Amino acid sequence: MKLQDIREKSVDELNALVVDMKKELFNLRLQKSTNKLENPASIANTKRTIARIKTVIKEKEAANA
């Protein structure tokens, strides 16, 4: 997910997106443990996306304060 797409969403949408991404990360880790993960880099990409979303949430909260 691109940073521009993330910035266009509201804080509530971003919080929901973080929950979805964490579920996806859990599923990827589960696939890794059962040796069914096709792309190992997807775990790192998902972690980075979660970090980007959390950063944008903090920026928006700081701007509103």
N, C-alpha and C. Protein backbone atom coordinates (compact mmCIF):
# COMPACT_ATOMS: atom_id res chain seq x y z
N MET A 1 0.85 -1.16 0.00
CA MET A 1 0.00 0.00 0.00
C MET A 1 0.89 1.23 0.00
N LYS A 2 0.55 2.18 -0.83
CA LYS A 2 1.36 3.37 -0.98
C LYS A 2 1.03 4.38 0.12
N LEU A 3 2.01 5.19 0.44
CA LEU A 3 1.87 6.17 1.50
C LEU A 3 0.78 7.19 1.17
N GLN A 4 0.66 7.55 -0.08
CA GLN A 4 -0.37 8.52 -0.48
C GLN A 4 -1.77 7.95 -0.22
N ASP A 5 -1.97 6.68 -0.49
CA ASP A 5 -3.26 6.04 -0.22
C ASP A 5 -3.55 6.01 1.28
N ILE A 6 -2.52 5.79 2.07
CA ILE A 6 -2.69 5.74 3.52
C ILE A 6 -3.07 7.11 4.05
N ARG A 7 -2.41 8.15 3.56
CA ARG A 7 -2.67 9.52 4.05
C ARG A 7 -4.08 10.00 3.73
N GLU A 8 -4.70 9.46 2.70
CA GLU A 8 -6.04 9.90 2.31
C GLU A 8 -7.13 9.35 3.23
N LYS A 9 -6.83 8.34 4.02
CA LYS A 9 -7.83 7.71 4.87
C LYS A 9 -7.94 8.44 6.21
N SER A 10 -9.08 8.25 6.87
CA SER A 10 -9.28 8.85 8.19
C SER A 10 -8.60 7.98 9.26
N VAL A 11 -8.52 8.51 10.46
CA VAL A 11 -7.86 7.79 11.55
C VAL A 11 -8.62 6.50 11.88
N ASP A 12 -9.95 6.55 11.85
CA ASP A 12 -10.74 5.35 12.13
C ASP A 12 -10.49 4.27 11.08
N GLU A 13 -10.44 4.67 9.84
CA GLU A 13 -10.17 3.71 8.76
C GLU A 13 -8.77 3.12 8.92
N LEU A 14 -7.82 3.97 9.32
CA LEU A 14 -6.45 3.48 9.50
C LEU A 14 -6.35 2.50 10.65
N ASN A 15 -7.06 2.77 11.74
CA ASN A 15 -7.05 1.83 12.86
C ASN A 15 -7.63 0.48 12.45
N ALA A 16 -8.69 0.50 11.67
CA ALA A 16 -9.27 -0.75 11.18
C ALA A 16 -8.29 -1.46 10.24
N LEU A 17 -7.57 -0.69 9.46
CA LEU A 17 -6.59 -1.26 8.54
C LEU A 17 -5.43 -1.91 9.29
N VAL A 18 -5.02 -1.31 10.41
CA VAL A 18 -3.96 -1.90 11.23
C VAL A 18 -4.40 -3.26 11.75
N VAL A 19 -5.64 -3.35 12.20
CA VAL A 19 -6.15 -4.64 12.70
C VAL A 19 -6.13 -5.68 11.59
N ASP A 20 -6.57 -5.30 10.40
CA ASP A 20 -6.56 -6.23 9.27
C ASP A 20 -5.15 -6.67 8.90
N MET A 21 -4.23 -5.72 8.92
CA MET A 21 -2.85 -6.05 8.57
C MET A 21 -2.21 -6.96 9.61
N LYS A 22 -2.56 -6.77 10.88
CA LYS A 22 -2.02 -7.66 11.92
C LYS A 22 -2.57 -9.08 11.76
N LYS A 23 -3.83 -9.19 11.35
CA LYS A 23 -4.39 -10.52 11.08
C LYS A 23 -3.65 -11.17 9.91
N GLU A 24 -3.38 -10.37 8.88
CA GLU A 24 -2.65 -10.89 7.73
C GLU A 24 -1.24 -11.33 8.13
N LEU A 25 -0.59 -10.54 8.99
CA LEU A 25 0.74 -10.90 9.46
C LEU A 25 0.71 -12.21 10.24
N PHE A 26 -0.31 -12.39 11.07
CA PHE A 26 -0.46 -13.64 11.80
C PHE A 26 -0.59 -14.81 10.84
N ASN A 27 -1.42 -14.65 9.80
CA ASN A 27 -1.60 -15.72 8.82
C ASN A 27 -0.31 -16.03 8.08
N LEU A 28 0.46 -14.99 7.76
CA LEU A 28 1.73 -15.21 7.08
C LEU A 28 2.70 -15.97 7.98
N ARG A 29 2.73 -15.63 9.26
CA ARG A 29 3.61 -16.35 10.18
C ARG A 29 3.17 -17.80 10.33
N LEU A 30 1.88 -18.02 10.31
CA LEU A 30 1.36 -19.38 10.39
C LEU A 30 1.78 -20.18 9.16
N GLN A 31 1.68 -19.56 7.99
CA GLN A 31 2.11 -20.23 6.76
C GLN A 31 3.61 -20.53 6.80
N LYS A 32 4.38 -19.60 7.36
CA LYS A 32 5.83 -19.81 7.46
C LYS A 32 6.14 -21.01 8.34
N SER A 33 5.42 -21.14 9.44
CA SER A 33 5.69 -22.25 10.35
C SER A 33 5.32 -23.60 9.76
N THR A 34 4.38 -23.61 8.84
CA THR A 34 3.98 -24.86 8.19
C THR A 34 4.67 -25.05 6.84
N ASN A 35 5.63 -24.20 6.56
CA ASN A 35 6.42 -24.25 5.31
C ASN A 35 5.55 -24.12 4.06
N LYS A 36 4.51 -23.32 4.14
CA LYS A 36 3.66 -23.09 2.97
C LYS A 36 3.73 -21.65 2.48
N LEU A 37 4.64 -20.87 3.03
CA LEU A 37 4.78 -19.48 2.64
C LEU A 37 5.55 -19.40 1.33
N GLU A 38 4.93 -18.81 0.32
CA GLU A 38 5.54 -18.74 -1.00
C GLU A 38 6.54 -17.59 -1.10
N ASN A 39 6.22 -16.45 -0.48
CA ASN A 39 7.08 -15.29 -0.58
C ASN A 39 7.49 -14.83 0.82
N PRO A 40 8.67 -15.19 1.28
CA PRO A 40 9.09 -14.82 2.63
C PRO A 40 9.20 -13.30 2.84
N ALA A 41 9.39 -12.56 1.79
CA ALA A 41 9.51 -11.11 1.90
C ALA A 41 8.17 -10.46 2.24
N SER A 42 7.08 -11.18 2.07
CA SER A 42 5.77 -10.61 2.36
C SER A 42 5.60 -10.31 3.85
N ILE A 43 6.30 -11.05 4.71
CA ILE A 43 6.24 -10.77 6.15
C ILE A 43 6.85 -9.39 6.43
N ALA A 44 8.01 -9.14 5.88
CA ALA A 44 8.68 -7.85 6.08
C ALA A 44 7.87 -6.71 5.48
N ASN A 45 7.29 -6.94 4.31
CA ASN A 45 6.48 -5.90 3.68
C ASN A 45 5.25 -5.57 4.52
N THR A 46 4.64 -6.58 5.09
CA THR A 46 3.46 -6.35 5.93
C THR A 46 3.85 -5.57 7.18
N LYS A 47 4.98 -5.91 7.78
CA LYS A 47 5.45 -5.18 8.96
C LYS A 47 5.71 -3.71 8.62
N ARG A 48 6.30 -3.47 7.48
CA ARG A 48 6.58 -2.09 7.06
C ARG A 48 5.29 -1.31 6.83
N THR A 49 4.31 -1.96 6.24
CA THR A 49 3.04 -1.31 5.99
C THR A 49 2.36 -0.95 7.31
N ILE A 50 2.40 -1.84 8.28
CA ILE A 50 1.82 -1.55 9.60
C ILE A 50 2.53 -0.35 10.22
N ALA A 51 3.84 -0.30 10.10
CA ALA A 51 4.61 0.82 10.66
C ALA A 51 4.25 2.13 9.96
N ARG A 52 4.09 2.09 8.65
CA ARG A 52 3.69 3.29 7.90
C ARG A 52 2.33 3.80 8.36
N ILE A 53 1.39 2.87 8.53
CA ILE A 53 0.05 3.26 8.94
C ILE A 53 0.07 3.88 10.32
N LYS A 54 0.82 3.26 11.24
CA LYS A 54 0.90 3.79 12.60
C LYS A 54 1.56 5.16 12.62
N THR A 55 2.55 5.38 11.75
CA THR A 55 3.21 6.68 11.66
C THR A 55 2.23 7.75 11.20
N VAL A 56 1.43 7.44 10.21
CA VAL A 56 0.45 8.40 9.70
C VAL A 56 -0.61 8.69 10.76
N ILE A 57 -1.02 7.67 11.52
CA ILE A 57 -1.99 7.89 12.60
C ILE A 57 -1.41 8.87 13.61
N LYS A 58 -0.17 8.68 14.02
CA LYS A 58 0.48 9.59 14.98
C LYS A 58 0.58 11.00 14.43
N GLU A 59 0.90 11.14 13.14
CA GLU A 59 0.99 12.45 12.52
C GLU A 59 -0.35 13.16 12.54
N LYS A 60 -1.41 12.42 12.21
CA LYS A 60 -2.75 13.02 12.19
C LYS A 60 -3.20 13.40 13.60
N GLU A 61 -2.88 12.57 14.59
CA GLU A 61 -3.25 12.89 15.96
C GLU A 61 -2.48 14.11 16.46
N ALA A 62 -1.22 14.25 16.09
CA ALA A 62 -0.42 15.39 16.49
C ALA A 62 -0.93 16.67 15.81
N ALA A 63 -1.39 16.54 14.58
CA ALA A 63 -1.91 17.72 13.87
C ALA A 63 -3.22 18.19 14.47
N ASN A 64 -4.03 17.27 14.99
CA ASN A 64 -5.31 17.64 15.58
C ASN A 64 -5.17 18.16 17.00
N ALA A 65 -4.04 17.90 17.64
CA ALA A 65 -3.85 18.32 19.04
C ALA A 65 -3.43 19.76 19.17
